[in-house]
Amino acid sequence: MMLSPGAQVRFRVTKGDKVGSSWSVQTSKGKGDVYVLHREGAQQIKTSFHESGQWHFSVMPEGQKRLGENESSYLGVVKEHTEFASGWLHAMRITVPRSELRDGYEEQVREKTVVEVPADPEMDVVSIDIFLGDSNAIPVRIEHSLLIAHMERGDGGQVAILARPMLLDEPLHIGLAEQISQIRDGLRDQGWNGTSLTRAVIIGHDDSRGFHRQIEVAIDPDPA
């Protein structure tokens, strides 16, 4: 079933009692715009895929307080795209490593219906891919994937959200050690005291494959 324009879908990755962050994808009623949010970080940053073809991360007013005087609130602006299949663009990949799921984590968000996406215990991550299709795009079969949602956009186009298990070349906390260290320092500057579990997202753009990317990271308390 394709969801009507203006619909919102929320999802998170789980493995038993361990959970990740919840995310939302929302379409526009009157336009082809699509918005993606890490729900707990919604006051900091939003990802927008506009009907005009411009894709970007938007730093929200709360996050703008930490921008420099001449820093733009639009990050990762991309205006040119290449189809990976007829009528389809690969807009975003959200990577949720199984190592970042935690037991008992309570998000500071409103309670809403959330689609639970199971993590494969034999694989390292769940890759959640967001594809944008035009009104004539024919569905493409992607092996070993779980359809989270199929949504209609306000311009007659469509959105497909798929989850797939994948392997990593190296553990997250080795490959992204520098970025994670910077995140911890930044959280301390914002008042985090290191005694509680929190979460963060590493954002970027994959130049070689043309999609925006977000990687979910658990920030554990300091060792006792």
N, C-alpha and C. Protein backbone atom coordinates (compact mmCIF):
# COMPACT_ATOMS: atom_id res chain seq x y z
N MET A 1 0.85 -1.20 0.00
CA MET A 1 0.00 0.00 0.00
C MET A 1 0.88 1.24 0.00
N MET A 2 0.58 2.18 -0.90
CA MET A 2 1.32 3.44 -0.95
C MET A 2 0.64 4.47 -0.07
N LEU A 3 1.41 5.10 0.82
CA LEU A 3 0.87 6.11 1.72
C LEU A 3 0.67 7.42 0.98
N SER A 4 -0.39 8.14 1.33
CA SER A 4 -0.76 9.38 0.64
C SER A 4 0.23 10.50 0.94
N PRO A 5 0.31 11.51 0.05
CA PRO A 5 1.16 12.67 0.32
C PRO A 5 0.83 13.32 1.66
N GLY A 6 1.86 13.73 2.37
CA GLY A 6 1.69 14.31 3.70
C GLY A 6 1.82 13.31 4.82
N ALA A 7 2.00 12.03 4.48
CA ALA A 7 2.13 10.99 5.50
C ALA A 7 3.52 11.05 6.15
N GLN A 8 3.60 10.49 7.34
CA GLN A 8 4.86 10.41 8.07
C GLN A 8 5.06 8.99 8.56
N VAL A 9 6.26 8.46 8.38
CA VAL A 9 6.61 7.11 8.82
C VAL A 9 7.75 7.21 9.82
N ARG A 10 7.64 6.48 10.92
CA ARG A 10 8.68 6.45 11.93
C ARG A 10 9.18 5.01 12.08
N PHE A 11 10.49 4.85 12.28
CA PHE A 11 11.05 3.50 12.38
C PHE A 11 12.32 3.53 13.24
N ARG A 12 12.69 2.36 13.73
CA ARG A 12 13.96 2.21 14.46
C ARG A 12 14.41 0.77 14.34
N VAL A 13 15.70 0.55 14.53
CA VAL A 13 16.28 -0.79 14.47
C VAL A 13 16.28 -1.39 15.87
N THR A 14 15.95 -2.68 15.96
CA THR A 14 15.92 -3.37 17.25
C THR A 14 16.57 -4.75 17.14
N LYS A 15 17.02 -5.24 18.28
CA LYS A 15 17.50 -6.62 18.39
C LYS A 15 17.19 -7.10 19.80
N GLY A 16 16.06 -7.81 19.95
CA GLY A 16 15.61 -8.19 21.28
C GLY A 16 15.24 -6.95 22.07
N ASP A 17 15.81 -6.80 23.27
CA ASP A 17 15.53 -5.64 24.11
C ASP A 17 16.39 -4.44 23.74
N LYS A 18 17.35 -4.63 22.85
CA LYS A 18 18.23 -3.53 22.47
C LYS A 18 17.62 -2.75 21.31
N VAL A 19 17.71 -1.42 21.41
CA VAL A 19 17.07 -0.57 20.40
C VAL A 19 18.02 0.52 19.94
N GLY A 20 17.71 1.05 18.77
CA GLY A 20 18.41 2.22 18.26
C GLY A 20 17.51 3.44 18.37
N SER A 21 17.93 4.50 17.70
CA SER A 21 17.13 5.72 17.67
C SER A 21 15.96 5.56 16.71
N SER A 22 14.93 6.37 16.92
CA SER A 22 13.83 6.38 15.96
C SER A 22 14.04 7.53 14.97
N TRP A 23 13.60 7.27 13.74
CA TRP A 23 13.73 8.22 12.64
C TRP A 23 12.35 8.47 12.05
N SER A 24 12.21 9.57 11.34
CA SER A 24 10.95 9.82 10.64
C SER A 24 11.23 10.30 9.22
N VAL A 25 10.35 9.89 8.31
CA VAL A 25 10.36 10.37 6.93
C VAL A 25 8.97 10.91 6.64
N GLN A 26 8.91 12.14 6.13
CA GLN A 26 7.62 12.76 5.87
C GLN A 26 7.60 13.36 4.47
N THR A 27 6.49 13.17 3.77
CA THR A 27 6.31 13.78 2.46
C THR A 27 5.47 15.05 2.60
N SER A 28 5.48 15.87 1.55
CA SER A 28 4.69 17.09 1.53
C SER A 28 3.39 16.85 0.77
N LYS A 29 2.32 17.47 1.22
CA LYS A 29 1.03 17.28 0.55
C LYS A 29 1.00 17.93 -0.83
N GLY A 30 1.56 19.13 -0.94
CA GLY A 30 1.41 19.88 -2.18
C GLY A 30 2.61 19.89 -3.10
N LYS A 31 3.76 19.37 -2.63
CA LYS A 31 4.98 19.41 -3.42
C LYS A 31 5.67 18.05 -3.33
N GLY A 32 6.77 17.93 -4.07
CA GLY A 32 7.52 16.67 -4.07
C GLY A 32 8.58 16.60 -3.00
N ASP A 33 8.55 17.51 -2.02
CA ASP A 33 9.57 17.56 -0.99
C ASP A 33 9.46 16.38 -0.02
N VAL A 34 10.61 15.94 0.48
CA VAL A 34 10.69 14.85 1.46
C VAL A 34 11.64 15.29 2.57
N TYR A 35 11.25 15.01 3.81
CA TYR A 35 12.05 15.43 4.97
C TYR A 35 12.38 14.21 5.83
N VAL A 36 13.64 14.15 6.28
CA VAL A 36 14.11 13.04 7.10
C VAL A 36 14.66 13.60 8.40
N LEU A 37 14.25 13.01 9.52
CA LEU A 37 14.67 13.48 10.84
C LEU A 37 15.13 12.33 11.72
N HIS A 38 16.25 12.51 12.39
CA HIS A 38 16.58 11.72 13.58
C HIS A 38 15.75 12.36 14.69
N ARG A 39 14.74 11.66 15.18
CA ARG A 39 13.70 12.32 15.96
C ARG A 39 14.25 13.03 17.20
N GLU A 40 15.20 12.42 17.88
CA GLU A 40 15.72 13.04 19.09
C GLU A 40 16.60 14.25 18.76
N GLY A 41 17.15 14.27 17.57
CA GLY A 41 17.99 15.40 17.16
C GLY A 41 17.26 16.39 16.29
N ALA A 42 15.92 16.35 16.28
CA ALA A 42 15.14 17.18 15.36
C ALA A 42 15.33 18.67 15.60
N GLN A 43 15.70 19.07 16.81
CA GLN A 43 15.92 20.49 17.08
C GLN A 43 17.28 20.95 16.58
N GLN A 44 18.12 19.99 16.15
CA GLN A 44 19.46 20.33 15.71
C GLN A 44 19.60 20.36 14.19
N ILE A 45 19.07 19.32 13.53
CA ILE A 45 19.30 19.22 12.09
C ILE A 45 18.17 18.44 11.41
N LYS A 46 17.90 18.82 10.16
CA LYS A 46 16.88 18.17 9.35
C LYS A 46 17.46 17.96 7.96
N THR A 47 17.09 16.86 7.32
CA THR A 47 17.52 16.61 5.95
C THR A 47 16.35 16.84 5.01
N SER A 48 16.58 17.63 3.97
CA SER A 48 15.52 17.98 3.03
C SER A 48 15.90 17.55 1.62
N PHE A 49 14.96 16.93 0.93
CA PHE A 49 15.10 16.58 -0.47
C PHE A 49 13.97 17.31 -1.21
N HIS A 50 14.32 18.40 -1.88
CA HIS A 50 13.29 19.27 -2.45
C HIS A 50 12.94 18.89 -3.88
N GLU A 51 11.68 19.18 -4.23
CA GLU A 51 11.20 18.94 -5.58
C GLU A 51 12.07 19.64 -6.62
N SER A 52 12.67 20.76 -6.23
CA SER A 52 13.54 21.53 -7.14
C SER A 52 14.81 20.77 -7.52
N GLY A 53 15.13 19.73 -6.75
CA GLY A 53 16.36 18.99 -6.98
C GLY A 53 17.45 19.30 -5.98
N GLN A 54 17.23 20.30 -5.13
CA GLN A 54 18.24 20.61 -4.12
C GLN A 54 18.06 19.70 -2.90
N TRP A 55 19.15 19.06 -2.52
CA TRP A 55 19.19 18.25 -1.31
C TRP A 55 20.15 18.92 -0.34
N HIS A 56 19.82 18.91 0.96
CA HIS A 56 20.75 19.48 1.93
C HIS A 56 20.36 19.07 3.35
N PHE A 57 21.33 19.24 4.25
CA PHE A 57 21.09 19.18 5.68
C PHE A 57 20.83 20.62 6.14
N SER A 58 19.77 20.83 6.91
CA SER A 58 19.46 22.16 7.44
C SER A 58 19.76 22.18 8.94
N VAL A 59 20.61 23.11 9.36
CA VAL A 59 20.85 23.29 10.79
C VAL A 59 19.69 24.10 11.34
N MET A 60 18.99 23.53 12.32
CA MET A 60 17.81 24.18 12.88
C MET A 60 18.21 25.30 13.84
N PRO A 61 17.25 26.17 14.22
CA PRO A 61 17.60 27.33 15.07
C PRO A 61 18.39 26.96 16.32
N GLU A 62 18.06 25.84 16.97
CA GLU A 62 18.81 25.45 18.17
C GLU A 62 20.27 25.17 17.83
N GLY A 63 20.50 24.49 16.70
CA GLY A 63 21.87 24.18 16.29
C GLY A 63 22.62 25.38 15.75
N GLN A 64 21.89 26.36 15.22
CA GLN A 64 22.54 27.54 14.65
C GLN A 64 23.28 28.36 15.70
N LYS A 65 22.95 28.16 16.97
CA LYS A 65 23.63 28.89 18.04
C LYS A 65 25.12 28.57 18.08
N ARG A 66 25.49 27.40 17.52
CA ARG A 66 26.90 26.98 17.57
C ARG A 66 27.61 27.20 16.23
N LEU A 67 26.92 27.81 15.27
CA LEU A 67 27.56 28.12 13.99
C LEU A 67 28.38 29.40 14.10
N GLY A 68 29.46 29.46 13.33
CA GLY A 68 30.25 30.68 13.26
C GLY A 68 29.48 31.78 12.55
N GLU A 69 29.99 32.99 12.63
CA GLU A 69 29.28 34.16 12.09
C GLU A 69 28.98 34.02 10.60
N ASN A 70 29.90 33.47 9.84
CA ASN A 70 29.73 33.37 8.39
C ASN A 70 29.42 31.95 7.92
N GLU A 71 29.09 31.07 8.85
CA GLU A 71 28.79 29.69 8.47
C GLU A 71 27.34 29.56 8.01
N SER A 72 27.14 28.85 6.90
CA SER A 72 25.79 28.64 6.37
C SER A 72 25.05 27.60 7.20
N SER A 73 23.74 27.77 7.30
CA SER A 73 22.92 26.77 8.00
C SER A 73 22.54 25.62 7.07
N TYR A 74 22.94 25.69 5.80
CA TYR A 74 22.72 24.61 4.84
C TYR A 74 24.05 23.87 4.65
N LEU A 75 24.03 22.57 4.89
CA LEU A 75 25.23 21.75 4.76
C LEU A 75 24.99 20.68 3.70
N GLY A 76 26.07 20.28 3.03
CA GLY A 76 25.96 19.19 2.06
C GLY A 76 24.99 19.47 0.94
N VAL A 77 25.00 20.69 0.41
CA VAL A 77 24.06 21.05 -0.65
C VAL A 77 24.44 20.35 -1.95
N VAL A 78 23.49 19.63 -2.53
CA VAL A 78 23.69 18.92 -3.79
C VAL A 78 22.51 19.23 -4.71
N LYS A 79 22.80 19.54 -5.98
CA LYS A 79 21.74 19.89 -6.92
C LYS A 79 21.71 19.01 -8.16
N GLU A 80 22.75 18.23 -8.37
CA GLU A 80 22.80 17.36 -9.54
C GLU A 80 22.84 15.91 -9.08
N HIS A 81 22.06 15.05 -9.75
CA HIS A 81 21.89 13.67 -9.32
C HIS A 81 21.93 12.73 -10.53
N THR A 82 22.32 11.50 -10.26
CA THR A 82 22.38 10.47 -11.30
C THR A 82 21.47 9.32 -10.92
N GLU A 83 20.59 8.91 -11.82
CA GLU A 83 19.70 7.79 -11.55
C GLU A 83 20.49 6.49 -11.42
N PHE A 84 20.10 5.66 -10.44
CA PHE A 84 20.72 4.33 -10.33
C PHE A 84 19.88 3.28 -11.06
N ALA A 85 18.64 3.64 -11.34
CA ALA A 85 17.73 2.83 -12.17
C ALA A 85 16.75 3.81 -12.79
N SER A 86 16.07 3.40 -13.85
CA SER A 86 15.20 4.32 -14.57
C SER A 86 14.16 4.97 -13.66
N GLY A 87 14.25 6.29 -13.52
CA GLY A 87 13.28 7.03 -12.71
C GLY A 87 13.58 7.06 -11.24
N TRP A 88 14.69 6.46 -10.78
CA TRP A 88 14.98 6.35 -9.35
C TRP A 88 16.30 7.02 -8.97
N LEU A 89 16.27 7.75 -7.85
CA LEU A 89 17.46 8.34 -7.26
C LEU A 89 17.66 7.76 -5.86
N HIS A 90 18.92 7.50 -5.51
CA HIS A 90 19.25 7.05 -4.16
C HIS A 90 19.54 8.29 -3.33
N ALA A 91 18.60 8.68 -2.47
CA ALA A 91 18.70 9.94 -1.75
C ALA A 91 19.51 9.85 -0.47
N MET A 92 19.29 8.81 0.32
CA MET A 92 19.93 8.74 1.63
C MET A 92 20.17 7.30 2.07
N ARG A 93 21.24 7.13 2.82
CA ARG A 93 21.49 5.87 3.53
C ARG A 93 21.69 6.17 5.01
N ILE A 94 20.86 5.58 5.85
CA ILE A 94 21.01 5.64 7.31
C ILE A 94 21.63 4.32 7.74
N THR A 95 22.80 4.40 8.36
CA THR A 95 23.51 3.19 8.78
C THR A 95 23.37 3.03 10.29
N VAL A 96 22.82 1.89 10.71
CA VAL A 96 22.63 1.62 12.14
C VAL A 96 23.43 0.36 12.49
N PRO A 97 24.62 0.51 13.06
CA PRO A 97 25.41 -0.65 13.45
C PRO A 97 24.76 -1.40 14.61
N ARG A 98 24.84 -2.72 14.56
CA ARG A 98 24.27 -3.52 15.63
C ARG A 98 24.98 -3.22 16.95
N SER A 99 26.26 -2.83 16.88
CA SER A 99 27.03 -2.51 18.08
C SER A 99 26.52 -1.27 18.80
N GLU A 100 25.69 -0.46 18.12
CA GLU A 100 25.22 0.79 18.71
C GLU A 100 23.83 0.67 19.33
N LEU A 101 23.22 -0.52 19.26
CA LEU A 101 21.93 -0.73 19.92
C LEU A 101 22.14 -0.89 21.42
N ARG A 102 21.22 -0.36 22.21
CA ARG A 102 21.38 -0.41 23.66
C ARG A 102 20.08 -0.85 24.33
N ASP A 103 20.24 -1.51 25.47
CA ASP A 103 19.11 -1.99 26.26
C ASP A 103 18.60 -0.87 27.17
N GLY A 104 17.31 -0.64 27.15
CA GLY A 104 16.71 0.29 28.11
C GLY A 104 16.85 1.76 27.77
N TYR A 105 17.30 2.08 26.57
CA TYR A 105 17.45 3.50 26.23
C TYR A 105 16.09 4.14 25.99
N GLU A 106 15.83 5.26 26.65
CA GLU A 106 14.55 5.96 26.50
C GLU A 106 14.79 7.29 25.79
N GLU A 107 14.26 7.39 24.58
CA GLU A 107 14.40 8.62 23.82
C GLU A 107 13.57 9.74 24.42
N GLN A 108 14.06 10.94 24.26
CA GLN A 108 13.32 12.12 24.73
C GLN A 108 12.47 12.64 23.57
N VAL A 109 11.48 11.83 23.19
CA VAL A 109 10.57 12.19 22.10
C VAL A 109 9.16 11.78 22.49
N ARG A 110 8.18 12.32 21.78
CA ARG A 110 6.80 11.94 22.04
C ARG A 110 6.57 10.50 21.62
N GLU A 111 5.72 9.82 22.36
CA GLU A 111 5.42 8.42 22.04
C GLU A 111 4.52 8.36 20.80
N LYS A 112 5.01 7.70 19.78
CA LYS A 112 4.28 7.55 18.53
C LYS A 112 4.44 6.11 18.03
N THR A 113 3.61 5.73 17.07
CA THR A 113 3.75 4.42 16.44
C THR A 113 5.05 4.38 15.65
N VAL A 114 5.84 3.33 15.90
CA VAL A 114 7.16 3.19 15.26
C VAL A 114 7.27 1.80 14.65
N VAL A 115 7.72 1.73 13.41
CA VAL A 115 7.97 0.44 12.77
C VAL A 115 9.28 -0.13 13.31
N GLU A 116 9.22 -1.35 13.83
CA GLU A 116 10.42 -2.01 14.37
C GLU A 116 11.13 -2.76 13.24
N VAL A 117 12.40 -2.44 13.02
CA VAL A 117 13.20 -3.06 11.97
C VAL A 117 14.19 -4.02 12.63
N PRO A 118 14.05 -5.33 12.46
CA PRO A 118 14.93 -6.27 13.16
C PRO A 118 16.34 -6.29 12.58
N ALA A 119 17.33 -6.35 13.48
CA ALA A 119 18.74 -6.47 13.07
C ALA A 119 19.10 -7.93 12.90
N ASP A 120 19.83 -8.25 11.86
CA ASP A 120 20.30 -9.61 11.61
C ASP A 120 21.51 -9.88 12.51
N PRO A 121 21.45 -10.89 13.39
CA PRO A 121 22.56 -11.15 14.32
C PRO A 121 23.84 -11.60 13.63
N GLU A 122 23.75 -12.00 12.36
CA GLU A 122 24.94 -12.44 11.63
C GLU A 122 25.61 -11.30 10.86
N MET A 123 25.01 -10.13 10.86
CA MET A 123 25.53 -9.01 10.08
C MET A 123 25.89 -7.85 11.00
N ASP A 124 26.68 -6.90 10.50
CA ASP A 124 27.19 -5.81 11.33
C ASP A 124 26.22 -4.64 11.46
N VAL A 125 25.52 -4.31 10.38
CA VAL A 125 24.68 -3.12 10.39
C VAL A 125 23.36 -3.38 9.69
N VAL A 126 22.41 -2.50 9.96
CA VAL A 126 21.21 -2.40 9.15
C VAL A 126 21.35 -1.11 8.34
N SER A 127 21.29 -1.24 7.04
CA SER A 127 21.36 -0.09 6.14
C SER A 127 19.94 0.26 5.71
N ILE A 128 19.52 1.47 6.02
CA ILE A 128 18.17 1.92 5.65
C ILE A 128 18.33 2.92 4.51
N ASP A 129 17.86 2.54 3.34
CA ASP A 129 18.03 3.35 2.14
C ASP A 129 16.72 4.02 1.76
N ILE A 130 16.81 5.29 1.40
CA ILE A 130 15.65 6.06 0.99
C ILE A 130 15.82 6.41 -0.49
N PHE A 131 14.88 5.94 -1.30
CA PHE A 131 14.92 6.14 -2.74
C PHE A 131 13.78 7.05 -3.17
N LEU A 132 14.06 7.96 -4.09
CA LEU A 132 13.05 8.85 -4.64
C LEU A 132 12.79 8.44 -6.09
N GLY A 133 11.52 8.21 -6.41
CA GLY A 133 11.15 7.83 -7.76
C GLY A 133 10.21 8.84 -8.38
N ASP A 134 10.27 8.99 -9.71
CA ASP A 134 9.31 9.87 -10.36
C ASP A 134 7.99 9.12 -10.54
N SER A 135 7.00 9.79 -11.12
CA SER A 135 5.66 9.21 -11.20
C SER A 135 5.60 7.98 -12.10
N ASN A 136 6.57 7.83 -12.99
CA ASN A 136 6.57 6.70 -13.92
C ASN A 136 7.58 5.62 -13.55
N ALA A 137 8.26 5.78 -12.43
CA ALA A 137 9.30 4.83 -12.04
C ALA A 137 8.69 3.46 -11.73
N ILE A 138 9.28 2.44 -12.30
CA ILE A 138 8.83 1.07 -12.09
C ILE A 138 9.56 0.49 -10.88
N PRO A 139 8.87 -0.21 -9.98
CA PRO A 139 9.54 -0.79 -8.81
C PRO A 139 10.75 -1.63 -9.19
N VAL A 140 11.84 -1.47 -8.42
CA VAL A 140 13.08 -2.20 -8.66
C VAL A 140 13.27 -3.22 -7.54
N ARG A 141 13.59 -4.42 -7.89
CA ARG A 141 13.81 -5.46 -6.88
C ARG A 141 15.22 -5.34 -6.30
N ILE A 142 15.29 -5.26 -4.97
CA ILE A 142 16.58 -5.21 -4.27
C ILE A 142 16.63 -6.40 -3.32
N GLU A 143 17.61 -7.26 -3.54
CA GLU A 143 17.70 -8.52 -2.80
C GLU A 143 17.89 -8.29 -1.31
N HIS A 144 17.32 -9.21 -0.52
CA HIS A 144 17.51 -9.28 0.94
C HIS A 144 17.08 -7.98 1.64
N SER A 145 16.05 -7.33 1.11
CA SER A 145 15.61 -6.07 1.70
C SER A 145 14.21 -6.21 2.31
N LEU A 146 13.95 -5.36 3.29
CA LEU A 146 12.65 -5.27 3.94
C LEU A 146 12.06 -3.91 3.62
N LEU A 147 10.85 -3.89 3.06
CA LEU A 147 10.19 -2.63 2.75
C LEU A 147 9.59 -2.05 4.03
N ILE A 148 10.10 -0.89 4.43
CA ILE A 148 9.55 -0.19 5.59
C ILE A 148 8.31 0.60 5.19
N ALA A 149 8.39 1.29 4.05
CA ALA A 149 7.24 2.08 3.60
C ALA A 149 7.39 2.44 2.13
N HIS A 150 6.24 2.61 1.47
CA HIS A 150 6.16 3.11 0.10
C HIS A 150 5.22 4.30 0.16
N MET A 151 5.71 5.49 -0.21
CA MET A 151 4.97 6.73 0.02
C MET A 151 4.82 7.49 -1.30
N GLU A 152 3.68 8.14 -1.45
CA GLU A 152 3.47 9.01 -2.60
C GLU A 152 3.85 10.43 -2.22
N ARG A 153 4.52 11.13 -3.14
CA ARG A 153 4.89 12.52 -2.94
C ARG A 153 3.82 13.45 -3.54
N GLY A 154 3.84 14.70 -3.11
CA GLY A 154 2.81 15.63 -3.54
C GLY A 154 2.85 15.97 -5.01
N ASP A 155 3.98 15.69 -5.70
CA ASP A 155 4.08 15.95 -7.13
C ASP A 155 3.78 14.70 -7.96
N GLY A 156 3.29 13.63 -7.31
CA GLY A 156 3.00 12.38 -8.01
C GLY A 156 4.14 11.40 -8.00
N GLY A 157 5.30 11.84 -7.51
CA GLY A 157 6.44 10.93 -7.37
C GLY A 157 6.27 10.00 -6.18
N GLN A 158 7.31 9.27 -5.85
CA GLN A 158 7.20 8.29 -4.78
C GLN A 158 8.48 8.20 -3.96
N VAL A 159 8.34 7.60 -2.80
CA VAL A 159 9.46 7.34 -1.89
C VAL A 159 9.40 5.88 -1.50
N ALA A 160 10.52 5.20 -1.55
CA ALA A 160 10.62 3.82 -1.05
C ALA A 160 11.69 3.79 0.03
N ILE A 161 11.35 3.22 1.18
CA ILE A 161 12.29 3.10 2.31
C ILE A 161 12.54 1.61 2.53
N LEU A 162 13.78 1.19 2.36
CA LEU A 162 14.14 -0.23 2.44
C LEU A 162 15.23 -0.43 3.47
N ALA A 163 15.18 -1.55 4.19
CA ALA A 163 16.22 -1.91 5.15
C ALA A 163 16.91 -3.18 4.67
N ARG A 164 18.26 -3.19 4.80
CA ARG A 164 19.05 -4.36 4.39
C ARG A 164 20.17 -4.60 5.38
N PRO A 165 20.47 -5.87 5.68
CA PRO A 165 21.63 -6.16 6.53
C PRO A 165 22.91 -6.08 5.71
N MET A 166 23.99 -5.60 6.35
CA MET A 166 25.28 -5.47 5.66
C MET A 166 26.42 -5.76 6.62
N LEU A 167 27.60 -5.98 6.04
CA LEU A 167 28.84 -6.15 6.81
C LEU A 167 29.66 -4.87 6.72
N LEU A 168 30.47 -4.61 7.76
CA LEU A 168 31.40 -3.49 7.76
C LEU A 168 32.81 -3.96 7.45
N ASP A 169 33.60 -3.08 6.84
CA ASP A 169 35.01 -3.41 6.60
C ASP A 169 35.81 -3.41 7.89
N GLU A 170 35.43 -2.55 8.84
CA GLU A 170 36.08 -2.50 10.15
C GLU A 170 35.08 -1.99 11.18
N PRO A 171 35.29 -2.29 12.46
CA PRO A 171 34.34 -1.85 13.50
C PRO A 171 34.16 -0.34 13.48
N LEU A 172 32.94 0.09 13.76
CA LEU A 172 32.59 1.51 13.71
C LEU A 172 33.53 2.35 14.56
N HIS A 173 33.80 1.91 15.79
CA HIS A 173 34.57 2.73 16.72
C HIS A 173 36.05 2.76 16.40
N ILE A 174 36.47 2.00 15.39
CA ILE A 174 37.84 2.12 14.88
C ILE A 174 37.84 3.05 13.67
N GLY A 175 36.96 2.79 12.72
CA GLY A 175 36.92 3.59 11.51
C GLY A 175 36.52 5.04 11.74
N LEU A 176 35.70 5.29 12.78
CA LEU A 176 35.20 6.65 13.04
C LEU A 176 35.66 7.16 14.40
N ALA A 177 36.79 6.66 14.87
CA ALA A 177 37.26 7.00 16.22
C ALA A 177 37.43 8.51 16.41
N GLU A 178 38.01 9.18 15.41
CA GLU A 178 38.26 10.62 15.54
C GLU A 178 36.96 11.40 15.62
N GLN A 179 36.01 11.06 14.73
CA GLN A 179 34.72 11.77 14.74
C GLN A 179 33.98 11.54 16.04
N ILE A 180 34.00 10.31 16.56
CA ILE A 180 33.29 10.01 17.80
C ILE A 180 33.91 10.76 18.97
N SER A 181 35.24 10.87 18.98
CA SER A 181 35.91 11.64 20.03
C SER A 181 35.50 13.10 19.98
N GLN A 182 35.40 13.65 18.78
CA GLN A 182 34.97 15.04 18.62
C GLN A 182 33.53 15.22 19.08
N ILE A 183 32.69 14.23 18.81
CA ILE A 183 31.30 14.29 19.26
C ILE A 183 31.23 14.34 20.78
N ARG A 184 31.98 13.47 21.45
CA ARG A 184 31.98 13.45 22.92
C ARG A 184 32.40 14.80 23.48
N ASP A 185 33.44 15.40 22.88
CA ASP A 185 33.90 16.71 23.34
C ASP A 185 32.82 17.77 23.12
N GLY A 186 32.16 17.69 21.96
CA GLY A 186 31.10 18.65 21.67
C GLY A 186 29.93 18.53 22.62
N LEU A 187 29.57 17.29 22.98
CA LEU A 187 28.47 17.08 23.92
C LEU A 187 28.82 17.63 25.30
N ARG A 188 30.08 17.49 25.70
CA ARG A 188 30.49 18.05 26.99
C ARG A 188 30.36 19.57 26.97
N ASP A 189 30.72 20.19 25.84
CA ASP A 189 30.60 21.64 25.73
C ASP A 189 29.15 22.09 25.85
N GLN A 190 28.22 21.18 25.48
CA GLN A 190 26.79 21.49 25.55
C GLN A 190 26.17 21.13 26.90
N GLY A 191 26.99 20.59 27.82
CA GLY A 191 26.49 20.31 29.16
C GLY A 191 26.38 18.84 29.53
N TRP A 192 26.67 17.92 28.61
CA TRP A 192 26.62 16.49 28.95
C TRP A 192 27.76 16.19 29.91
N ASN A 193 27.45 15.48 31.01
CA ASN A 193 28.48 15.26 32.04
C ASN A 193 29.10 13.86 32.00
N GLY A 194 28.75 13.08 31.00
CA GLY A 194 29.39 11.78 30.84
C GLY A 194 28.85 10.68 31.72
N THR A 195 27.74 10.92 32.42
CA THR A 195 27.20 9.90 33.33
C THR A 195 26.01 9.15 32.75
N SER A 196 25.52 9.56 31.58
CA SER A 196 24.33 8.93 31.01
C SER A 196 24.57 8.58 29.54
N LEU A 197 23.83 7.58 29.09
CA LEU A 197 23.88 7.19 27.68
C LEU A 197 23.17 8.24 26.84
N THR A 198 23.76 8.60 25.73
CA THR A 198 23.08 9.48 24.78
C THR A 198 23.41 8.99 23.37
N ARG A 199 22.92 9.68 22.38
CA ARG A 199 23.13 9.25 21.00
C ARG A 199 23.53 10.43 20.13
N ALA A 200 24.17 10.11 19.01
CA ALA A 200 24.57 11.14 18.06
C ALA A 200 24.49 10.56 16.66
N VAL A 201 24.58 11.44 15.68
CA VAL A 201 24.54 11.05 14.28
C VAL A 201 25.68 11.73 13.55
N ILE A 202 26.41 10.97 12.75
CA ILE A 202 27.46 11.51 11.90
C ILE A 202 26.86 11.69 10.50
N ILE A 203 26.92 12.91 9.98
CA ILE A 203 26.30 13.19 8.68
C ILE A 203 27.37 13.42 7.62
N GLY A 204 26.97 13.24 6.36
CA GLY A 204 27.88 13.50 5.25
C GLY A 204 27.22 13.18 3.93
N HIS A 205 28.01 13.32 2.86
CA HIS A 205 27.53 13.01 1.51
C HIS A 205 28.52 12.06 0.86
N ASP A 206 28.01 10.98 0.29
CA ASP A 206 28.85 10.01 -0.41
C ASP A 206 29.01 10.49 -1.85
N ASP A 207 30.14 11.11 -2.15
CA ASP A 207 30.35 11.70 -3.47
C ASP A 207 30.38 10.65 -4.57
N SER A 208 30.92 9.47 -4.26
CA SER A 208 31.07 8.45 -5.30
C SER A 208 29.73 7.83 -5.69
N ARG A 209 28.79 7.77 -4.74
CA ARG A 209 27.50 7.13 -5.02
C ARG A 209 26.33 8.10 -5.01
N GLY A 210 26.59 9.35 -4.63
CA GLY A 210 25.61 10.39 -4.82
C GLY A 210 24.52 10.53 -3.78
N PHE A 211 24.63 9.84 -2.65
CA PHE A 211 23.56 9.97 -1.65
C PHE A 211 24.07 10.61 -0.36
N HIS A 212 23.13 11.22 0.36
CA HIS A 212 23.43 11.72 1.70
C HIS A 212 23.50 10.53 2.66
N ARG A 213 24.28 10.71 3.72
CA ARG A 213 24.48 9.57 4.63
C ARG A 213 24.42 10.05 6.07
N GLN A 214 23.82 9.20 6.92
CA GLN A 214 23.81 9.44 8.36
C GLN A 214 24.14 8.12 9.06
N ILE A 215 25.02 8.21 10.05
CA ILE A 215 25.46 7.02 10.79
C ILE A 215 25.09 7.20 12.26
N GLU A 216 24.33 6.27 12.77
CA GLU A 216 23.87 6.34 14.16
C GLU A 216 24.95 5.84 15.10
N VAL A 217 25.20 6.60 16.18
CA VAL A 217 26.26 6.27 17.13
C VAL A 217 25.71 6.37 18.55
N ALA A 218 25.99 5.36 19.37
CA ALA A 218 25.66 5.42 20.80
C ALA A 218 26.85 6.01 21.55
N ILE A 219 26.60 7.02 22.39
CA ILE A 219 27.63 7.63 23.21
C ILE A 219 27.44 7.14 24.63
N ASP A 220 28.27 6.19 25.02
CA ASP A 220 28.12 5.56 26.33
C ASP A 220 28.68 6.45 27.44
N PRO A 221 28.23 6.22 28.69
CA PRO A 221 28.79 6.97 29.81
C PRO A 221 30.30 6.71 29.97
N ASP A 222 30.97 7.63 30.61
CA ASP A 222 32.39 7.45 30.89
C ASP A 222 32.59 6.22 31.78
N PRO A 223 33.70 5.49 31.59
CA PRO A 223 33.98 4.34 32.47
C PRO A 223 34.03 4.78 33.93
N ALA A 224 33.51 3.93 34.79
CA ALA A 224 33.50 4.26 36.21
C ALA A 224 34.92 4.31 36.76
